[in-house]
Amino acid sequence: MITVDLGNRIRELRQQIGLSQEKFALKIGMDRTYFASVEAGKRNISIINIKKIADGLDVSLGVLFSDL
């Protein structure tokens, strides 16, 4: 499923920058439990929240979705 694949990609990129879920969620102004469910692939999130995550990871949407 795309939600699981995207969640795994987000987790991979977040771990590369060395932030916990809690610190990253705080950085982008998102609730930690909501963000955790995104990484777990349990949410069908809006493009607005996807853009917040990409910006927080300092990557383009293209990079975020590459190889999905």
C-alpha atoms as a PDB file:
ATOM      1  CA  MET A   1       0.000   0.000   0.000  1.00  0.00           C
ATOM      2  CA  ILE A   2       1.183   3.498  -0.776  1.00  0.00           C
ATOM      3  CA  THR A   3       0.517   4.692   2.792  1.00  0.00           C
ATOM      4  CA  VAL A   4       2.872   2.046   4.194  1.00  0.00           C
ATOM      5  CA  ASP A   5       5.515   2.712   1.552  1.00  0.00           C
ATOM      6  CA  LEU A   6       5.337   6.469   2.166  1.00  0.00           C
ATOM      7  CA  GLY A   7       5.505   5.958   5.931  1.00  0.00           C
ATOM      8  CA  ASN A   8       8.604   3.816   5.563  1.00  0.00           C
ATOM      9  CA  ARG A   9      10.219   6.420   3.310  1.00  0.00           C
ATOM     10  CA  ILE A  10       9.460   9.201   5.797  1.00  0.00           C
ATOM     11  CA  ARG A  11      10.896   7.119   8.664  1.00  0.00           C
ATOM     12  CA  GLU A  12      14.051   6.403   6.666  1.00  0.00           C
ATOM     13  CA  LEU A  13      14.611  10.086   5.865  1.00  0.00           C
ATOM     14  CA  ARG A  14      13.802  11.195   9.435  1.00  0.00           C
ATOM     15  CA  GLN A  15      16.297   8.713  10.858  1.00  0.00           C
ATOM     16  CA  GLN A  16      18.942   9.966   8.422  1.00  0.00           C
ATOM     17  CA  ILE A  17      18.689  13.433   9.958  1.00  0.00           C
ATOM     18  CA  GLY A  18      18.857  11.952  13.443  1.00  0.00           C
ATOM     19  CA  LEU A  19      15.557  13.130  14.923  1.00  0.00           C
ATOM     20  CA  SER A  20      13.130  11.147  17.032  1.00  0.00           C
ATOM     21  CA  GLN A  21       9.473  11.069  16.043  1.00  0.00           C
ATOM     22  CA  GLU A  22       8.706  13.417  18.916  1.00  0.00           C
ATOM     23  CA  LYS A  23      11.360  15.993  17.997  1.00  0.00           C
ATOM     24  CA  PHE A  24      10.488  15.860  14.315  1.00  0.00           C
ATOM     25  CA  ALA A  25       6.755  16.228  14.965  1.00  0.00           C
ATOM     26  CA  LEU A  26       7.480  19.229  17.190  1.00  0.00           C
ATOM     27  CA  LYS A  27       9.701  20.729  14.480  1.00  0.00           C
ATOM     28  CA  ILE A  28       6.915  20.600  11.884  1.00  0.00           C
ATOM     29  CA  GLY A  29       4.046  21.470  14.233  1.00  0.00           C
ATOM     30  CA  MET A  30       2.336  18.102  14.068  1.00  0.00           C
ATOM     31  CA  ASP A  31       1.009  15.953  16.902  1.00  0.00           C
ATOM     32  CA  ARG A  32       3.457  13.142  17.683  1.00  0.00           C
ATOM     33  CA  THR A  33       0.802  10.419  17.751  1.00  0.00           C
ATOM     34  CA  TYR A  34      -0.561  11.600  14.402  1.00  0.00           C
ATOM     35  CA  PHE A  35       2.944  11.623  12.932  1.00  0.00           C
ATOM     36  CA  ALA A  36       3.649   8.140  14.341  1.00  0.00           C
ATOM     37  CA  SER A  37       0.520   6.835  12.617  1.00  0.00           C
ATOM     38  CA  VAL A  38       1.711   8.407   9.343  1.00  0.00           C
ATOM     39  CA  GLU A  39       5.036   6.580   9.619  1.00  0.00           C
ATOM     40  CA  ALA A  40       3.182   3.368  10.429  1.00  0.00           C
ATOM     41  CA  GLY A  41       1.173   3.752   7.212  1.00  0.00           C
ATOM     42  CA  LYS A  42      -2.126   4.020   9.065  1.00  0.00           C
ATOM     43  CA  ARG A  43      -3.108   7.454   7.740  1.00  0.00           C
ATOM     44  CA  ASN A  44      -4.185   8.716   4.367  1.00  0.00           C
ATOM     45  CA  ILE A  45      -2.726  12.176   4.896  1.00  0.00           C
ATOM     46  CA  SER A  46      -3.428  15.386   3.010  1.00  0.00           C
ATOM     47  CA  ILE A  47      -1.004  16.945   0.570  1.00  0.00           C
ATOM     48  CA  ILE A  48      -0.645  19.874   2.994  1.00  0.00           C
ATOM     49  CA  ASN A  49       0.722  17.558   5.692  1.00  0.00           C
ATOM     50  CA  ILE A  50       2.902  15.723   3.173  1.00  0.00           C
ATOM     51  CA  LYS A  51       4.408  19.093   2.203  1.00  0.00           C
ATOM     52  CA  LYS A  52       5.030  19.946   5.894  1.00  0.00           C
ATOM     53  CA  ILE A  53       6.877  16.653   6.298  1.00  0.00           C
ATOM     54  CA  ALA A  54       8.935  17.143   3.133  1.00  0.00           C
ATOM     55  CA  ASP A  55       9.866  20.671   4.223  1.00  0.00           C
ATOM     56  CA  GLY A  56      10.817  19.400   7.687  1.00  0.00           C
ATOM     57  CA  LEU A  57      13.022  16.766   6.082  1.00  0.00           C
ATOM     58  CA  ASP A  58      14.442  19.442   3.750  1.00  0.00           C
ATOM     59  CA  VAL A  59      13.592  17.397   0.662  1.00  0.00           C
ATOM     60  CA  SER A  60      11.377  18.018  -2.344  1.00  0.00           C
ATOM     61  CA  LEU A  61       8.125  16.172  -2.858  1.00  0.00           C
ATOM     62  CA  GLY A  62       9.847  14.390  -5.740  1.00  0.00           C
ATOM     63  CA  VAL A  63      12.557  13.061  -3.457  1.00  0.00           C
ATOM     64  CA  LEU A  64       9.986  12.063  -0.837  1.00  0.00           C
ATOM     65  CA  PHE A  65       8.061  10.023  -3.397  1.00  0.00           C
ATOM     66  CA  SER A  66      11.020   8.635  -5.304  1.00  0.00           C
ATOM     67  CA  ASP A  67      11.071   4.843  -5.655  1.00  0.00           C
ATOM     68  CA  LEU A  68       7.591   4.364  -4.145  1.00  0.00           C
END
